Structures are given as C-alpha cells and as structure tokens.
Amino acid sequence: MATGNRRQTVVLLHGLWMGRWAMLPLGHRLKRAGFHVRHFGYPTRAPLPRDADRLDEWLEELGAVHFVAHSLGGLVLAHLFDRHPDRLEQTDRIVLLGSPLAGSVVARRVGDTLIGRWTLNGSLERGLSGDVPAWRAPRTLMIAGTRPIGPGRLIPRTLSGPSDGTVAVTETRDPALAEHRSLPVNHFGMLLSRRVADEAIAFLQPTGAD
C-alpha cells in the first residue's frame, strides 16, 4: 500500500492484564521516529472476537494504519482480520511482539486451575488456549524474545525450549509472517527495549517502500 511522505499512523495494542499505559514507552520512541501514534485499550479478559469488533469500529475514523501489538494484542488482530477481512485493505505493516499465534502452553496450564481460568476468562477461547484464526496479514514482522525471565518459568514442564519467560519462540511462528526475528529480551522487557523499538521502526519504514 502506498504511504508517500504523509505522517503514518501506528495503532498500538497492549497485552494481557495491561492497559494503554504499557505501550507508552514504545509509543514515545515511535513518535520520535515521526509516526502518529494511537493507543487502543481493550478488556483483556473479554472474548477476543468482541475485542476485535470494538477495534474495527474504533478504526473507522483512521484510514490506513500500521499496527504494533504485544502478546494478546496480536491475537486480537488475528480475530480482526478473520471477522473483518476488508480491514486488511486499510492495513500497511504490522509488528507483533511475542504474540503466541499458536496459543500458549503456559496459559493452558494456568487455565487448568479454577482461579487461573477466572483470571484469563475470555482470552482463552480461540486465543491463548489455541485455535487462533489463521494469520492473514502477510506484511508482518514477529519479534520473539529469548531471555527466559518471566512467570512461565515457574510452571514445570511448560517452556522447555527457547522462550521469553512467558511465551515459547515456537508459539510465535507462523508461515504467513513476512519475517521472524529473535532478540535477547523477555516478554515484558521488549516493551522497554530500544533494540526492539529500532527493529519495529525499521520494518515500518522500509527503505524504498512504495
């Protein structure tokens, strides 16, 4: 999609149990790079299709946008493009940060308990538990973390391979992604990482892009 020299809009989506505040540091770096930044907040315990429908309505006034989504926010986007495929025509590029497009084994284990299922609630069905809609946006970069510091490491027999401490690298892979990069950050630290921000900015502003 042509972007010309206009000031491009980036919509930021936060992850589980967070709010728009979680994306402020990354949003600040994107603003300094020349982007117009908008934050979309949503109730992370609600069913993901409902969040996706709210996002679709919220996007009506914006026109063409980029997205940067952390963790569960990427699954909201998967539902957005599945339920509202025309939205792809208004999407330039996407950066996903540790989004478990294949579901999350840590979330499934937590969801096996009564209190865990209550705290995760609607984020599980066709989301963190798996069966996420197929990823439909080809111009997407996934950044996965390989620093295994996070609550997932406290749950036995879950994260046996490379992970960011919450999401396994294998859970972030999808054949429809344009690029997949692993960086030495943990799941929440990627929101504060200058290197992650630089990688995201470089992907959203490709040299010679039309």
N, C-alpha and C. Protein backbone atom coordinates (compact mmCIF):
# COMPACT_ATOMS: atom_id res chain seq x y z
N MET A 1 0.85 -1.19 0.00
CA MET A 1 0.00 0.00 0.00
C MET A 1 0.89 1.24 0.00
N ALA A 2 0.60 2.18 -0.81
CA ALA A 2 1.43 3.38 -0.89
C ALA A 2 1.28 4.21 0.36
N THR A 3 2.40 4.75 0.82
CA THR A 3 2.38 5.59 2.00
C THR A 3 2.85 7.00 1.72
N GLY A 4 3.63 7.18 0.64
CA GLY A 4 4.10 8.50 0.29
C GLY A 4 4.89 9.11 1.41
N ASN A 5 4.78 10.44 1.57
CA ASN A 5 5.51 11.14 2.61
C ASN A 5 4.59 11.59 3.75
N ARG A 6 3.36 11.10 3.77
CA ARG A 6 2.45 11.51 4.83
C ARG A 6 2.92 10.95 6.18
N ARG A 7 2.46 11.59 7.23
CA ARG A 7 2.77 11.11 8.57
C ARG A 7 1.95 9.86 8.84
N GLN A 8 2.62 8.75 9.01
CA GLN A 8 1.93 7.48 9.11
C GLN A 8 1.42 7.24 10.53
N THR A 9 0.26 6.61 10.60
CA THR A 9 -0.37 6.31 11.90
C THR A 9 -0.04 4.89 12.31
N VAL A 10 0.37 4.74 13.56
CA VAL A 10 0.61 3.42 14.14
C VAL A 10 -0.35 3.23 15.31
N VAL A 11 -1.10 2.14 15.26
CA VAL A 11 -2.01 1.79 16.36
C VAL A 11 -1.32 0.76 17.24
N LEU A 12 -1.27 1.03 18.54
CA LEU A 12 -0.62 0.15 19.49
C LEU A 12 -1.66 -0.61 20.30
N LEU A 13 -1.44 -1.93 20.43
CA LEU A 13 -2.32 -2.79 21.22
C LEU A 13 -1.49 -3.47 22.31
N HIS A 14 -1.96 -3.35 23.54
CA HIS A 14 -1.25 -3.92 24.68
C HIS A 14 -1.60 -5.41 24.84
N GLY A 15 -0.96 -6.03 25.84
CA GLY A 15 -1.15 -7.44 26.09
C GLY A 15 -2.03 -7.71 27.30
N LEU A 16 -2.01 -8.96 27.74
CA LEU A 16 -2.87 -9.46 28.81
C LEU A 16 -2.63 -8.73 30.12
N TRP A 17 -3.75 -8.41 30.82
CA TRP A 17 -3.73 -7.76 32.14
C TRP A 17 -3.05 -6.40 32.11
N MET A 18 -2.95 -5.81 30.96
CA MET A 18 -2.32 -4.50 30.83
C MET A 18 -3.34 -3.49 30.31
N GLY A 19 -2.88 -2.26 30.16
CA GLY A 19 -3.68 -1.20 29.58
C GLY A 19 -2.84 -0.40 28.61
N ARG A 20 -3.39 0.69 28.13
CA ARG A 20 -2.66 1.51 27.16
C ARG A 20 -1.34 2.03 27.71
N TRP A 21 -1.28 2.17 29.04
CA TRP A 21 -0.06 2.67 29.70
C TRP A 21 1.15 1.79 29.37
N ALA A 22 0.93 0.48 29.17
CA ALA A 22 2.04 -0.44 28.94
C ALA A 22 2.80 -0.14 27.66
N MET A 23 2.13 0.49 26.69
CA MET A 23 2.74 0.76 25.39
C MET A 23 3.30 2.18 25.29
N LEU A 24 3.24 2.95 26.36
CA LEU A 24 3.68 4.35 26.30
C LEU A 24 5.17 4.50 25.96
N PRO A 25 6.07 3.72 26.59
CA PRO A 25 7.49 3.89 26.23
C PRO A 25 7.76 3.61 24.76
N LEU A 26 7.19 2.54 24.23
CA LEU A 26 7.37 2.23 22.81
C LEU A 26 6.71 3.29 21.95
N GLY A 27 5.54 3.74 22.37
CA GLY A 27 4.85 4.78 21.62
C GLY A 27 5.67 6.06 21.55
N HIS A 28 6.37 6.40 22.64
CA HIS A 28 7.22 7.59 22.64
C HIS A 28 8.33 7.47 21.60
N ARG A 29 8.94 6.31 21.50
CA ARG A 29 10.00 6.10 20.52
C ARG A 29 9.45 6.18 19.09
N LEU A 30 8.26 5.66 18.89
CA LEU A 30 7.65 5.74 17.56
C LEU A 30 7.33 7.19 17.19
N LYS A 31 6.87 7.98 18.16
CA LYS A 31 6.61 9.40 17.90
C LYS A 31 7.88 10.12 17.52
N ARG A 32 8.97 9.82 18.21
CA ARG A 32 10.24 10.46 17.89
C ARG A 32 10.73 10.08 16.49
N ALA A 33 10.29 8.91 16.01
CA ALA A 33 10.66 8.48 14.66
C ALA A 33 9.75 9.10 13.60
N GLY A 34 8.75 9.88 14.02
CA GLY A 34 7.90 10.59 13.07
C GLY A 34 6.53 10.01 12.85
N PHE A 35 6.16 8.99 13.62
CA PHE A 35 4.84 8.39 13.46
C PHE A 35 3.79 9.12 14.30
N HIS A 36 2.56 9.06 13.83
CA HIS A 36 1.41 9.49 14.63
C HIS A 36 0.93 8.25 15.37
N VAL A 37 0.90 8.28 16.68
CA VAL A 37 0.63 7.10 17.49
C VAL A 37 -0.75 7.18 18.12
N ARG A 38 -1.48 6.09 18.01
CA ARG A 38 -2.79 5.94 18.66
C ARG A 38 -2.77 4.67 19.50
N HIS A 39 -3.36 4.74 20.68
CA HIS A 39 -3.40 3.59 21.59
C HIS A 39 -4.82 3.03 21.65
N PHE A 40 -4.96 1.72 21.45
CA PHE A 40 -6.26 1.08 21.59
C PHE A 40 -6.25 0.24 22.87
N GLY A 41 -7.15 0.58 23.78
CA GLY A 41 -7.28 -0.20 25.00
C GLY A 41 -8.49 -1.12 24.92
N TYR A 42 -8.38 -2.27 25.54
CA TYR A 42 -9.47 -3.24 25.50
C TYR A 42 -9.44 -4.09 26.76
N PRO A 43 -10.58 -4.65 27.17
CA PRO A 43 -10.62 -5.53 28.34
C PRO A 43 -10.05 -6.90 27.99
N THR A 44 -8.91 -7.25 28.56
CA THR A 44 -8.19 -8.44 28.10
C THR A 44 -8.85 -9.75 28.56
N ARG A 45 -9.78 -9.67 29.50
CA ARG A 45 -10.49 -10.89 29.93
C ARG A 45 -11.77 -11.11 29.14
N ALA A 46 -12.10 -10.21 28.22
CA ALA A 46 -13.29 -10.36 27.39
C ALA A 46 -12.99 -11.32 26.24
N PRO A 47 -14.03 -11.89 25.62
CA PRO A 47 -13.80 -12.73 24.44
C PRO A 47 -13.10 -11.95 23.34
N LEU A 48 -12.12 -12.55 22.71
CA LEU A 48 -11.33 -11.85 21.70
C LEU A 48 -12.16 -11.38 20.49
N PRO A 49 -13.14 -12.16 20.03
CA PRO A 49 -13.97 -11.65 18.92
C PRO A 49 -14.67 -10.33 19.27
N ARG A 50 -15.09 -10.20 20.53
CA ARG A 50 -15.74 -8.96 20.95
C ARG A 50 -14.75 -7.80 20.92
N ASP A 51 -13.52 -8.04 21.39
CA ASP A 51 -12.49 -7.00 21.34
C ASP A 51 -12.19 -6.62 19.89
N ALA A 52 -12.15 -7.61 19.01
CA ALA A 52 -11.87 -7.35 17.60
C ALA A 52 -12.96 -6.50 16.96
N ASP A 53 -14.21 -6.75 17.31
CA ASP A 53 -15.31 -5.95 16.77
C ASP A 53 -15.23 -4.51 17.26
N ARG A 54 -14.86 -4.34 18.52
CA ARG A 54 -14.71 -2.98 19.05
C ARG A 54 -13.57 -2.26 18.34
N LEU A 55 -12.49 -2.99 18.09
CA LEU A 55 -11.36 -2.38 17.37
C LEU A 55 -11.77 -1.98 15.96
N ASP A 56 -12.54 -2.80 15.29
CA ASP A 56 -12.97 -2.48 13.94
C ASP A 56 -13.78 -1.18 13.91
N GLU A 57 -14.67 -1.00 14.87
CA GLU A 57 -15.45 0.24 14.95
C GLU A 57 -14.55 1.43 15.26
N TRP A 58 -13.61 1.23 16.16
CA TRP A 58 -12.70 2.31 16.57
C TRP A 58 -11.82 2.77 15.42
N LEU A 59 -11.50 1.88 14.50
CA LEU A 59 -10.61 2.18 13.39
C LEU A 59 -11.28 2.97 12.27
N GLU A 60 -12.58 3.09 12.30
CA GLU A 60 -13.31 3.69 11.18
C GLU A 60 -12.80 5.08 10.83
N GLU A 61 -12.41 5.86 11.81
CA GLU A 61 -12.03 7.26 11.56
C GLU A 61 -10.58 7.42 11.14
N LEU A 62 -9.80 6.34 11.15
CA LEU A 62 -8.36 6.48 10.99
C LEU A 62 -7.84 6.27 9.57
N GLY A 63 -8.51 5.50 8.76
CA GLY A 63 -7.97 5.20 7.43
C GLY A 63 -6.87 4.16 7.52
N ALA A 64 -5.86 4.28 6.66
CA ALA A 64 -4.78 3.29 6.61
C ALA A 64 -3.87 3.45 7.82
N VAL A 65 -3.49 2.34 8.42
CA VAL A 65 -2.65 2.37 9.62
C VAL A 65 -1.64 1.22 9.59
N HIS A 66 -0.61 1.37 10.42
CA HIS A 66 0.25 0.27 10.83
C HIS A 66 -0.27 -0.22 12.19
N PHE A 67 0.14 -1.42 12.58
CA PHE A 67 -0.14 -1.92 13.92
C PHE A 67 1.15 -2.38 14.58
N VAL A 68 1.26 -2.16 15.88
CA VAL A 68 2.27 -2.81 16.71
C VAL A 68 1.51 -3.38 17.89
N ALA A 69 1.58 -4.70 18.06
CA ALA A 69 0.78 -5.37 19.08
C ALA A 69 1.66 -6.27 19.94
N HIS A 70 1.46 -6.20 21.23
CA HIS A 70 2.19 -7.03 22.17
C HIS A 70 1.33 -8.20 22.62
N SER A 71 1.89 -9.40 22.54
CA SER A 71 1.31 -10.60 23.13
C SER A 71 -0.15 -10.80 22.71
N LEU A 72 -1.08 -10.73 23.66
CA LEU A 72 -2.50 -10.96 23.36
C LEU A 72 -3.03 -10.00 22.32
N GLY A 73 -2.45 -8.80 22.23
CA GLY A 73 -2.90 -7.84 21.22
C GLY A 73 -2.80 -8.39 19.81
N GLY A 74 -1.79 -9.23 19.57
CA GLY A 74 -1.67 -9.85 18.25
C GLY A 74 -2.80 -10.83 17.96
N LEU A 75 -3.31 -11.48 19.00
CA LEU A 75 -4.43 -12.40 18.81
C LEU A 75 -5.72 -11.63 18.54
N VAL A 76 -5.85 -10.45 19.13
CA VAL A 76 -6.99 -9.58 18.80
C VAL A 76 -6.94 -9.22 17.31
N LEU A 77 -5.75 -8.93 16.79
CA LEU A 77 -5.62 -8.62 15.37
C LEU A 77 -5.97 -9.84 14.50
N ALA A 78 -5.58 -11.03 14.93
CA ALA A 78 -5.93 -12.24 14.17
C ALA A 78 -7.44 -12.36 14.04
N HIS A 79 -8.15 -12.06 15.11
CA HIS A 79 -9.62 -12.10 15.06
C HIS A 79 -10.17 -10.95 14.22
N LEU A 80 -9.53 -9.78 14.29
CA LEU A 80 -9.98 -8.64 13.48
C LEU A 80 -9.97 -8.99 12.00
N PHE A 81 -8.86 -9.53 11.51
CA PHE A 81 -8.74 -9.84 10.08
C PHE A 81 -9.59 -11.04 9.69
N ASP A 82 -9.88 -11.92 10.64
CA ASP A 82 -10.74 -13.06 10.36
C ASP A 82 -12.20 -12.63 10.24
N ARG A 83 -12.62 -11.74 11.12
CA ARG A 83 -14.02 -11.31 11.16
C ARG A 83 -14.30 -10.14 10.23
N HIS A 84 -13.29 -9.33 9.95
CA HIS A 84 -13.44 -8.14 9.12
C HIS A 84 -12.32 -8.12 8.08
N PRO A 85 -12.34 -9.03 7.12
CA PRO A 85 -11.22 -9.15 6.17
C PRO A 85 -10.97 -7.89 5.35
N ASP A 86 -11.98 -7.05 5.17
CA ASP A 86 -11.77 -5.79 4.44
C ASP A 86 -10.80 -4.87 5.16
N ARG A 87 -10.61 -5.10 6.46
CA ARG A 87 -9.71 -4.25 7.23
C ARG A 87 -8.27 -4.42 6.75
N LEU A 88 -7.97 -5.54 6.12
CA LEU A 88 -6.62 -5.75 5.59
C LEU A 88 -6.26 -4.71 4.54
N GLU A 89 -7.25 -4.23 3.80
CA GLU A 89 -7.00 -3.23 2.77
C GLU A 89 -6.60 -1.89 3.37
N GLN A 90 -6.91 -1.68 4.65
CA GLN A 90 -6.56 -0.43 5.33
C GLN A 90 -5.35 -0.61 6.25
N THR A 91 -4.66 -1.74 6.10
CA THR A 91 -3.51 -2.04 6.95
C THR A 91 -2.23 -2.02 6.14
N ASP A 92 -1.26 -1.24 6.58
CA ASP A 92 0.04 -1.19 5.91
C ASP A 92 0.92 -2.33 6.42
N ARG A 93 1.63 -2.12 7.50
CA ARG A 93 2.53 -3.13 8.05
C ARG A 93 2.21 -3.37 9.52
N ILE A 94 2.64 -4.55 9.99
CA ILE A 94 2.34 -4.97 11.36
C ILE A 94 3.60 -5.51 12.01
N VAL A 95 3.80 -5.13 13.26
CA VAL A 95 4.85 -5.73 14.08
C VAL A 95 4.18 -6.38 15.29
N LEU A 96 4.44 -7.66 15.47
CA LEU A 96 3.93 -8.39 16.63
C LEU A 96 5.08 -8.65 17.59
N LEU A 97 4.83 -8.46 18.86
CA LEU A 97 5.84 -8.63 19.90
C LEU A 97 5.45 -9.79 20.81
N GLY A 98 6.07 -10.94 20.60
CA GLY A 98 5.81 -12.09 21.46
C GLY A 98 4.37 -12.57 21.46
N SER A 99 3.68 -12.44 20.33
CA SER A 99 2.29 -12.89 20.25
C SER A 99 2.22 -14.39 19.98
N PRO A 100 1.59 -15.17 20.85
CA PRO A 100 1.52 -16.62 20.66
C PRO A 100 0.43 -17.00 19.66
N LEU A 101 0.75 -16.86 18.38
CA LEU A 101 -0.24 -17.18 17.34
C LEU A 101 -0.63 -18.65 17.35
N ALA A 102 0.19 -19.48 17.98
CA ALA A 102 -0.12 -20.91 18.09
C ALA A 102 -0.74 -21.25 19.44
N GLY A 103 -1.10 -20.24 20.22
CA GLY A 103 -1.59 -20.49 21.57
C GLY A 103 -0.44 -20.55 22.55
N SER A 104 -0.77 -20.57 23.83
CA SER A 104 0.24 -20.51 24.88
C SER A 104 0.09 -21.69 25.83
N VAL A 105 1.14 -22.50 25.92
CA VAL A 105 1.10 -23.64 26.84
C VAL A 105 1.05 -23.17 28.28
N VAL A 106 1.71 -22.04 28.59
CA VAL A 106 1.65 -21.50 29.95
C VAL A 106 0.21 -21.13 30.30
N ALA A 107 -0.47 -20.43 29.39
CA ALA A 107 -1.86 -20.04 29.65
C ALA A 107 -2.76 -21.27 29.80
N ARG A 108 -2.52 -22.29 29.00
CA ARG A 108 -3.34 -23.50 29.12
C ARG A 108 -3.16 -24.14 30.49
N ARG A 109 -1.92 -24.18 30.97
CA ARG A 109 -1.67 -24.77 32.29
C ARG A 109 -2.31 -23.92 33.39
N VAL A 110 -2.18 -22.59 33.27
CA VAL A 110 -2.80 -21.71 34.25
C VAL A 110 -4.32 -21.87 34.20
N GLY A 111 -4.86 -22.01 33.00
CA GLY A 111 -6.31 -22.15 32.83
C GLY A 111 -6.87 -23.46 33.33
N ASP A 112 -6.00 -24.40 33.67
CA ASP A 112 -6.48 -25.67 34.23
C ASP A 112 -6.94 -25.52 35.67
N THR A 113 -6.56 -24.42 36.31
CA THR A 113 -6.99 -24.18 37.69
C THR A 113 -8.20 -23.24 37.70
N LEU A 114 -8.97 -23.32 38.77
CA LEU A 114 -10.19 -22.51 38.86
C LEU A 114 -9.86 -21.03 38.86
N ILE A 115 -8.90 -20.63 39.71
CA ILE A 115 -8.56 -19.21 39.78
C ILE A 115 -7.88 -18.75 38.49
N GLY A 116 -7.08 -19.65 37.89
CA GLY A 116 -6.43 -19.30 36.64
C GLY A 116 -7.42 -19.07 35.52
N ARG A 117 -8.44 -19.95 35.47
CA ARG A 117 -9.44 -19.78 34.42
C ARG A 117 -10.23 -18.49 34.62
N TRP A 118 -10.45 -18.12 35.87
CA TRP A 118 -11.16 -16.87 36.14
C TRP A 118 -10.33 -15.67 35.71
N THR A 119 -9.02 -15.70 35.98
CA THR A 119 -8.19 -14.55 35.66
C THR A 119 -7.97 -14.40 34.15
N LEU A 120 -7.98 -15.51 33.43
CA LEU A 120 -7.78 -15.45 31.97
C LEU A 120 -9.11 -15.29 31.22
N ASN A 121 -10.13 -15.96 31.70
CA ASN A 121 -11.50 -15.83 31.21
C ASN A 121 -11.58 -15.89 29.67
N GLY A 122 -12.10 -14.84 29.04
CA GLY A 122 -12.36 -14.87 27.59
C GLY A 122 -11.13 -14.90 26.72
N SER A 123 -9.95 -14.60 27.28
CA SER A 123 -8.74 -14.62 26.47
C SER A 123 -8.33 -16.04 26.07
N LEU A 124 -8.91 -17.04 26.74
CA LEU A 124 -8.53 -18.43 26.45
C LEU A 124 -9.15 -18.96 25.17
N GLU A 125 -10.48 -18.80 25.02
CA GLU A 125 -11.19 -19.43 23.90
C GLU A 125 -10.77 -18.82 22.56
N ARG A 126 -10.31 -19.70 21.65
CA ARG A 126 -9.78 -19.28 20.36
C ARG A 126 -8.75 -18.17 20.53
N GLY A 127 -7.94 -18.33 21.56
CA GLY A 127 -6.92 -17.34 21.88
C GLY A 127 -5.73 -18.01 22.51
N LEU A 128 -5.51 -17.75 23.79
CA LEU A 128 -4.34 -18.28 24.47
C LEU A 128 -4.35 -19.80 24.58
N SER A 129 -5.54 -20.39 24.57
CA SER A 129 -5.61 -21.85 24.65
C SER A 129 -5.30 -22.52 23.31
N GLY A 130 -5.28 -21.75 22.23
CA GLY A 130 -5.03 -22.29 20.90
C GLY A 130 -6.21 -22.05 19.97
N ASP A 131 -6.16 -22.65 18.78
CA ASP A 131 -7.22 -22.50 17.78
C ASP A 131 -7.43 -21.03 17.42
N VAL A 132 -6.33 -20.28 17.34
CA VAL A 132 -6.39 -18.88 16.93
C VAL A 132 -6.68 -18.82 15.42
N PRO A 133 -7.49 -17.87 14.95
CA PRO A 133 -7.71 -17.77 13.50
C PRO A 133 -6.40 -17.66 12.74
N ALA A 134 -6.37 -18.22 11.56
CA ALA A 134 -5.15 -18.19 10.74
C ALA A 134 -4.71 -16.75 10.50
N TRP A 135 -3.40 -16.53 10.57
CA TRP A 135 -2.88 -15.18 10.35
C TRP A 135 -3.02 -14.81 8.89
N ARG A 136 -3.59 -13.64 8.60
CA ARG A 136 -3.95 -13.26 7.24
C ARG A 136 -3.15 -12.08 6.68
N ALA A 137 -2.33 -11.44 7.49
CA ALA A 137 -1.63 -10.23 7.06
C ALA A 137 -0.19 -10.57 6.69
N PRO A 138 0.15 -10.58 5.41
CA PRO A 138 1.48 -11.03 5.00
C PRO A 138 2.62 -10.08 5.35
N ARG A 139 2.34 -8.78 5.44
CA ARG A 139 3.41 -7.80 5.71
C ARG A 139 3.57 -7.63 7.21
N THR A 140 4.01 -8.72 7.85
CA THR A 140 4.09 -8.75 9.31
C THR A 140 5.46 -9.23 9.77
N LEU A 141 6.01 -8.52 10.74
CA LEU A 141 7.23 -8.93 11.43
C LEU A 141 6.87 -9.41 12.81
N MET A 142 7.34 -10.60 13.19
CA MET A 142 7.22 -11.09 14.55
C MET A 142 8.57 -10.95 15.24
N ILE A 143 8.57 -10.33 16.40
CA ILE A 143 9.76 -10.28 17.24
C ILE A 143 9.52 -11.16 18.45
N ALA A 144 10.32 -12.20 18.60
CA ALA A 144 10.21 -13.12 19.73
C ALA A 144 11.37 -12.90 20.68
N GLY A 145 11.14 -13.08 21.96
CA GLY A 145 12.18 -12.93 22.96
C GLY A 145 12.82 -14.26 23.31
N THR A 146 14.11 -14.21 23.65
CA THR A 146 14.84 -15.43 24.02
C THR A 146 15.47 -15.32 25.41
N ARG A 147 15.12 -14.31 26.18
CA ARG A 147 15.62 -14.20 27.55
C ARG A 147 14.56 -14.80 28.48
N PRO A 148 14.79 -15.98 29.01
CA PRO A 148 13.73 -16.73 29.72
C PRO A 148 13.53 -16.27 31.16
N ILE A 149 13.12 -15.02 31.31
CA ILE A 149 12.84 -14.48 32.63
C ILE A 149 11.38 -14.06 32.67
N GLY A 150 10.57 -14.80 33.43
CA GLY A 150 9.16 -14.49 33.48
C GLY A 150 8.39 -15.54 34.24
N PRO A 151 7.11 -15.30 34.48
CA PRO A 151 6.30 -16.21 35.30
C PRO A 151 6.16 -17.61 34.71
N GLY A 152 6.28 -17.74 33.41
CA GLY A 152 6.15 -19.05 32.80
C GLY A 152 7.20 -20.03 33.25
N ARG A 153 8.35 -19.52 33.67
CA ARG A 153 9.42 -20.40 34.12
C ARG A 153 9.10 -21.05 35.46
N LEU A 154 8.09 -20.54 36.16
CA LEU A 154 7.71 -21.10 37.45
C LEU A 154 6.77 -22.28 37.32
N ILE A 155 6.29 -22.54 36.10
CA ILE A 155 5.35 -23.64 35.87
C ILE A 155 6.12 -24.80 35.27
N PRO A 156 6.23 -25.91 35.97
CA PRO A 156 7.04 -27.03 35.47
C PRO A 156 6.53 -27.59 34.15
N ARG A 157 7.46 -28.06 33.35
CA ARG A 157 7.18 -28.78 32.11
C ARG A 157 6.36 -27.97 31.12
N THR A 158 6.68 -26.68 31.00
CA THR A 158 5.98 -25.86 30.01
C THR A 158 6.96 -25.31 28.97
N LEU A 159 7.88 -24.45 29.41
CA LEU A 159 8.79 -23.78 28.48
C LEU A 159 10.14 -24.51 28.46
N SER A 160 10.21 -25.58 27.70
CA SER A 160 11.43 -26.38 27.66
C SER A 160 12.43 -25.87 26.62
N GLY A 161 11.96 -25.17 25.60
CA GLY A 161 12.83 -24.63 24.55
C GLY A 161 13.05 -23.14 24.73
N PRO A 162 13.62 -22.47 23.72
CA PRO A 162 13.82 -21.02 23.80
C PRO A 162 12.50 -20.29 24.05
N SER A 163 12.55 -19.30 24.93
CA SER A 163 11.34 -18.55 25.28
C SER A 163 11.72 -17.20 25.83
N ASP A 164 10.71 -16.38 26.04
CA ASP A 164 10.92 -15.06 26.67
C ASP A 164 10.50 -15.08 28.13
N GLY A 165 10.33 -16.29 28.67
CA GLY A 165 9.90 -16.45 30.05
C GLY A 165 8.40 -16.57 30.21
N THR A 166 7.66 -16.30 29.16
CA THR A 166 6.20 -16.40 29.18
C THR A 166 5.69 -17.14 27.94
N VAL A 167 6.25 -16.82 26.79
CA VAL A 167 5.83 -17.40 25.51
C VAL A 167 7.03 -18.09 24.86
N ALA A 168 6.82 -19.31 24.38
CA ALA A 168 7.88 -20.03 23.68
C ALA A 168 8.07 -19.46 22.28
N VAL A 169 9.30 -19.46 21.80
CA VAL A 169 9.57 -18.96 20.46
C VAL A 169 8.75 -19.73 19.43
N THR A 170 8.61 -21.04 19.61
CA THR A 170 7.83 -21.84 18.65
C THR A 170 6.38 -21.40 18.58
N GLU A 171 5.86 -20.83 19.66
CA GLU A 171 4.47 -20.38 19.69
C GLU A 171 4.26 -19.09 18.91
N THR A 172 5.34 -18.43 18.54
CA THR A 172 5.24 -17.17 17.80
C THR A 172 5.42 -17.36 16.30
N ARG A 173 5.67 -18.57 15.87
CA ARG A 173 5.94 -18.80 14.45
C ARG A 173 4.65 -19.06 13.67
N ASP A 174 4.64 -18.57 12.43
CA ASP A 174 3.51 -18.80 11.53
C ASP A 174 4.01 -18.65 10.11
N PRO A 175 3.64 -19.55 9.20
CA PRO A 175 4.17 -19.47 7.83
C PRO A 175 3.74 -18.22 7.07
N ALA A 176 2.70 -17.53 7.52
CA ALA A 176 2.23 -16.34 6.81
C ALA A 176 3.02 -15.09 7.16
N LEU A 177 3.88 -15.14 8.18
CA LEU A 177 4.66 -13.97 8.57
C LEU A 177 5.69 -13.65 7.50
N ALA A 178 5.92 -12.36 7.27
CA ALA A 178 6.97 -11.96 6.34
C ALA A 178 8.35 -12.18 6.93
N GLU A 179 8.50 -11.87 8.22
CA GLU A 179 9.79 -12.03 8.89
C GLU A 179 9.57 -12.45 10.33
N HIS A 180 10.53 -13.20 10.85
CA HIS A 180 10.53 -13.61 12.25
C HIS A 180 11.93 -13.40 12.80
N ARG A 181 12.05 -12.62 13.87
CA ARG A 181 13.35 -12.34 14.46
C ARG A 181 13.31 -12.63 15.95
N SER A 182 14.39 -13.20 16.45
CA SER A 182 14.53 -13.47 17.88
C SER A 182 15.55 -12.51 18.47
N LEU A 183 15.20 -11.87 19.59
CA LEU A 183 16.07 -10.92 20.26
C LEU A 183 16.21 -11.30 21.73
N PRO A 184 17.35 -10.97 22.36
CA PRO A 184 17.57 -11.34 23.75
C PRO A 184 16.83 -10.43 24.73
N VAL A 185 15.51 -10.54 24.73
CA VAL A 185 14.66 -9.78 25.65
C VAL A 185 13.63 -10.72 26.24
N ASN A 186 13.06 -10.33 27.39
CA ASN A 186 11.98 -11.15 27.92
C ASN A 186 10.63 -10.57 27.51
N HIS A 187 9.56 -11.23 27.93
CA HIS A 187 8.24 -10.93 27.40
C HIS A 187 7.81 -9.49 27.68
N PHE A 188 8.09 -9.01 28.87
CA PHE A 188 7.66 -7.66 29.23
C PHE A 188 8.76 -6.63 28.96
N GLY A 189 10.01 -7.07 29.02
CA GLY A 189 11.12 -6.17 28.75
C GLY A 189 11.15 -5.68 27.31
N MET A 190 10.53 -6.44 26.39
CA MET A 190 10.55 -6.00 24.99
C MET A 190 9.80 -4.67 24.81
N LEU A 191 8.91 -4.35 25.73
CA LEU A 191 8.19 -3.08 25.63
C LEU A 191 9.07 -1.89 25.97
N LEU A 192 10.19 -2.15 26.65
CA LEU A 192 11.11 -1.09 27.05
C LEU A 192 12.40 -1.10 26.25
N SER A 193 12.58 -2.10 25.42
CA SER A 193 13.84 -2.31 24.72
C SER A 193 14.02 -1.34 23.55
N ARG A 194 15.15 -0.63 23.54
CA ARG A 194 15.46 0.25 22.42
C ARG A 194 15.68 -0.56 21.15
N ARG A 195 16.32 -1.73 21.28
CA ARG A 195 16.58 -2.54 20.09
C ARG A 195 15.28 -3.02 19.47
N VAL A 196 14.33 -3.45 20.29
CA VAL A 196 13.03 -3.86 19.76
C VAL A 196 12.37 -2.70 19.04
N ALA A 197 12.40 -1.51 19.65
CA ALA A 197 11.80 -0.34 19.02
C ALA A 197 12.48 -0.04 17.69
N ASP A 198 13.81 -0.13 17.65
CA ASP A 198 14.53 0.15 16.42
C ASP A 198 14.16 -0.84 15.31
N GLU A 199 14.04 -2.12 15.69
CA GLU A 199 13.65 -3.14 14.70
C GLU A 199 12.25 -2.88 14.18
N ALA A 200 11.34 -2.49 15.08
CA ALA A 200 9.97 -2.20 14.67
C ALA A 200 9.93 -1.00 13.73
N ILE A 201 10.65 0.05 14.07
CA ILE A 201 10.66 1.26 13.25
C ILE A 201 11.24 0.98 11.87
N ALA A 202 12.32 0.20 11.83
CA ALA A 202 12.94 -0.13 10.54
C ALA A 202 11.98 -0.92 9.65
N PHE A 203 11.19 -1.80 10.25
CA PHE A 203 10.24 -2.58 9.46
C PHE A 203 9.07 -1.72 8.98
N LEU A 204 8.65 -0.79 9.80
CA LEU A 204 7.52 0.08 9.43
C LEU A 204 7.93 1.16 8.44
N GLN A 205 9.24 1.45 8.36
CA GLN A 205 9.75 2.44 7.43
C GLN A 205 10.80 1.81 6.51
N PRO A 206 10.40 0.84 5.69
CA PRO A 206 11.40 0.17 4.85
C PRO A 206 11.98 1.11 3.82
N THR A 207 13.27 1.00 3.59
CA THR A 207 13.93 1.82 2.58
C THR A 207 13.40 1.47 1.20
N GLY A 208 12.96 2.49 0.50
CA GLY A 208 12.46 2.25 -0.85
C GLY A 208 11.06 1.71 -0.92
N ALA A 209 10.33 1.71 0.22
CA ALA A 209 8.95 1.20 0.19
C ALA A 209 8.09 2.08 -0.66
N ASP A 210 7.09 1.46 -1.31
CA ASP A 210 6.19 2.26 -2.14
C ASP A 210 5.12 2.93 -1.31
